[in-house]
Each structure stands twice: as C-alpha cells, then as structure tokens.
Amino acid sequence: MAISPPKRRKRTTFQIVAQPGSQVSVCGKFNGWDSTQFPMKDNPKNGVFKAIVSLPNGKHEYKFVVDGEWMTDPNCQDQVPNEFGSMNSVIVI
C-alpha cells in the first residue's frame, strides 16, 4: 500500500483595513467557516488587520467577519457565488 505524501502547506497572510479596535477574523472552507478560529490582529495606527494561516495547496473560499458582518476581501478580484446568495473571495495556493 503506497503512502501519499503529506500535503504541502503555505503560510498565507490575510489582511483587511477596518476601524481600529474592531473585532475582525478570517474564515473559510479551510476551517469550516468558524469565525472564531483565526482572529486578526490590528495595527492601531492604520487599522490594517492581519492573520497568517497555514493553507494546503489548492483553491480556498473565504470571507472576513468585521464586528459581526461577513464581507468579501475588497482586495481580491476572484470571487464565486455561495449558497446564501452572496459572494465568497477565492485564493489559490
């Protein structure tokens, strides 16, 4: 029985600008859309929130949650429709 090589993972930085002090997270298919797993840290001087997530190679749908509001990545042109009638951002690793 052949053993499959482990999937390669890449540290991926997600970032979004929001009001300093906001509660911001990134979630997607890669974590079961759990908005609590990857909270983002902000730079209080400029409101840039960042999180680094280790993702396997492939196509990943994701969204940001800013103070409870789900939103696509304004810096990502690649989007696909989701089952809720809105869009998800897409990143390819």
C-alpha atoms as a PDB file:
ATOM      1  CA  MET A   1       0.000   0.000   0.000  1.00  0.00           C
ATOM      2  CA  ALA A   2       1.502   3.303  -1.111  1.00  0.00           C
ATOM      3  CA  ILE A   3       1.565   6.158   1.336  1.00  0.00           C
ATOM      4  CA  SER A   4       0.509   9.526  -0.017  1.00  0.00           C
ATOM      5  CA  PRO A   5       2.986  12.335   0.548  1.00  0.00           C
ATOM      6  CA  PRO A   6       1.751  14.929   3.040  1.00  0.00           C
ATOM      7  CA  LYS A   7       0.000  17.918   1.524  1.00  0.00           C
ATOM      8  CA  ARG A   8       2.268  20.927   1.372  1.00  0.00           C
ATOM      9  CA  ARG A   9       1.072  23.934   3.324  1.00  0.00           C
ATOM     10  CA  LYS A  10       1.918  27.565   2.792  1.00  0.00           C
ATOM     11  CA  ARG A  11       1.792  30.355   5.347  1.00  0.00           C
ATOM     12  CA  THR A  12      -0.709  32.788   3.854  1.00  0.00           C
ATOM     13  CA  THR A  13      -1.259  36.345   5.076  1.00  0.00           C
ATOM     14  CA  PHE A  14      -4.779  37.728   5.003  1.00  0.00           C
ATOM     15  CA  GLN A  15      -5.297  41.434   5.607  1.00  0.00           C
ATOM     16  CA  ILE A  16      -8.108  43.965   5.570  1.00  0.00           C
ATOM     17  CA  VAL A  17      -8.497  47.591   6.635  1.00  0.00           C
ATOM     18  CA  ALA A  18     -11.139  48.231   9.301  1.00  0.00           C
ATOM     19  CA  GLN A  19     -11.842  50.697  12.082  1.00  0.00           C
ATOM     20  CA  PRO A  20      -9.061  50.354  14.708  1.00  0.00           C
ATOM     21  CA  GLY A  21     -10.300  48.341  17.675  1.00  0.00           C
ATOM     22  CA  SER A  22     -12.803  46.334  15.598  1.00  0.00           C
ATOM     23  CA  GLN A  23     -13.244  42.590  16.072  1.00  0.00           C
ATOM     24  CA  VAL A  24     -12.023  41.019  12.819  1.00  0.00           C
ATOM     25  CA  SER A  25     -11.448  37.412  11.761  1.00  0.00           C
ATOM     26  CA  VAL A  26     -10.922  35.415   8.590  1.00  0.00           C
ATOM     27  CA  CYS A  27     -12.717  32.155   7.919  1.00  0.00           C
ATOM     28  CA  GLY A  28     -13.466  29.879   5.016  1.00  0.00           C
ATOM     29  CA  LYS A  29     -13.833  26.349   3.801  1.00  0.00           C
ATOM     30  CA  PHE A  30     -10.350  25.708   5.224  1.00  0.00           C
ATOM     31  CA  ASN A  31     -11.721  25.959   8.798  1.00  0.00           C
ATOM     32  CA  GLY A  32     -15.393  25.065   8.409  1.00  0.00           C
ATOM     33  CA  TRP A  33     -16.357  28.771   8.318  1.00  0.00           C
ATOM     34  CA  ASP A  34     -15.505  29.111  12.024  1.00  0.00           C
ATOM     35  CA  SER A  35     -15.352  32.868  12.614  1.00  0.00           C
ATOM     36  CA  THR A  36     -13.591  32.421  15.976  1.00  0.00           C
ATOM     37  CA  GLN A  37     -10.608  30.285  14.901  1.00  0.00           C
ATOM     38  CA  PHE A  38      -8.477  32.945  13.174  1.00  0.00           C
ATOM     39  CA  PRO A  39      -8.909  36.333  14.867  1.00  0.00           C
ATOM     40  CA  MET A  40      -6.935  39.071  13.165  1.00  0.00           C
ATOM     41  CA  LYS A  41      -4.602  41.489  14.941  1.00  0.00           C
ATOM     42  CA  ASP A  42      -4.662  45.158  14.068  1.00  0.00           C
ATOM     43  CA  ASN A  43      -2.145  47.916  13.828  1.00  0.00           C
ATOM     44  CA  PRO A  44      -3.906  50.632  15.860  1.00  0.00           C
ATOM     45  CA  LYS A  45      -2.169  53.374  13.873  1.00  0.00           C
ATOM     46  CA  ASN A  46      -3.655  52.448  10.498  1.00  0.00           C
ATOM     47  CA  GLY A  47      -6.444  49.887  11.030  1.00  0.00           C
ATOM     48  CA  VAL A  48      -4.753  47.145   8.998  1.00  0.00           C
ATOM     49  CA  PHE A  49      -5.772  43.771  10.422  1.00  0.00           C
ATOM     50  CA  LYS A  50      -3.649  40.708   9.626  1.00  0.00           C
ATOM     51  CA  ALA A  51      -3.722  36.965  10.226  1.00  0.00           C
ATOM     52  CA  ILE A  52      -1.356  34.271   8.996  1.00  0.00           C
ATOM     53  CA  VAL A  53      -2.988  30.944   8.177  1.00  0.00           C
ATOM     54  CA  SER A  54      -1.238  27.780   7.020  1.00  0.00           C
ATOM     55  CA  LEU A  55      -3.161  26.504   3.982  1.00  0.00           C
ATOM     56  CA  PRO A  56      -2.659  23.430   1.782  1.00  0.00           C
ATOM     57  CA  ASN A  57      -2.222  23.822  -1.961  1.00  0.00           C
ATOM     58  CA  GLY A  58      -5.479  24.358  -3.793  1.00  0.00           C
ATOM     59  CA  LYS A  59      -8.382  26.753  -4.166  1.00  0.00           C
ATOM     60  CA  HIS A  60      -9.850  28.212  -0.955  1.00  0.00           C
ATOM     61  CA  GLU A  61     -13.048  30.229  -0.479  1.00  0.00           C
ATOM     62  CA  TYR A  62     -13.012  32.710   2.392  1.00  0.00           C
ATOM     63  CA  LYS A  63     -14.588  35.801   3.952  1.00  0.00           C
ATOM     64  CA  PHE A  64     -13.782  38.305   6.650  1.00  0.00           C
ATOM     65  CA  VAL A  65     -16.039  38.942   9.635  1.00  0.00           C
ATOM     66  CA  VAL A  66     -15.793  42.548  10.852  1.00  0.00           C
ATOM     67  CA  ASP A  67     -17.771  43.329  14.005  1.00  0.00           C
ATOM     68  CA  GLY A  68     -20.187  40.514  13.140  1.00  0.00           C
ATOM     69  CA  GLU A  69     -20.623  41.482   9.476  1.00  0.00           C
ATOM     70  CA  TRP A  70     -19.498  38.952   6.856  1.00  0.00           C
ATOM     71  CA  MET A  71     -17.713  40.526   3.889  1.00  0.00           C
ATOM     72  CA  THR A  72     -15.596  39.591   0.919  1.00  0.00           C
ATOM     73  CA  ASP A  73     -11.995  40.704   0.578  1.00  0.00           C
ATOM     74  CA  PRO A  74     -12.082  44.126  -1.124  1.00  0.00           C
ATOM     75  CA  ASN A  75      -8.577  43.469  -2.499  1.00  0.00           C
ATOM     76  CA  CYS A  76      -9.466  40.127  -4.116  1.00  0.00           C
ATOM     77  CA  GLN A  77     -10.887  40.140  -7.640  1.00  0.00           C
ATOM     78  CA  ASP A  78     -11.546  36.377  -7.691  1.00  0.00           C
ATOM     79  CA  GLN A  79     -14.986  35.647  -6.207  1.00  0.00           C
ATOM     80  CA  VAL A  80     -17.577  32.889  -6.507  1.00  0.00           C
ATOM     81  CA  PRO A  81     -21.259  32.809  -5.549  1.00  0.00           C
ATOM     82  CA  ASN A  82     -22.200  30.941  -2.375  1.00  0.00           C
ATOM     83  CA  GLU A  83     -25.363  29.153  -1.240  1.00  0.00           C
ATOM     84  CA  PHE A  84     -26.578  32.236   0.662  1.00  0.00           C
ATOM     85  CA  GLY A  85     -26.894  34.433  -2.425  1.00  0.00           C
ATOM     86  CA  SER A  86     -23.730  36.437  -1.751  1.00  0.00           C
ATOM     87  CA  MET A  87     -20.128  36.012  -2.846  1.00  0.00           C
ATOM     88  CA  ASN A  88     -17.008  34.415  -1.354  1.00  0.00           C
ATOM     89  CA  SER A  89     -13.471  35.535  -2.072  1.00  0.00           C
ATOM     90  CA  VAL A  90     -11.123  32.923  -3.549  1.00  0.00           C
ATOM     91  CA  ILE A  91      -7.410  32.404  -3.044  1.00  0.00           C
ATOM     92  CA  VAL A  92      -5.338  29.796  -4.879  1.00  0.00           C
ATOM     93  CA  ILE A  93      -2.236  28.418  -3.147  1.00  0.00           C
END
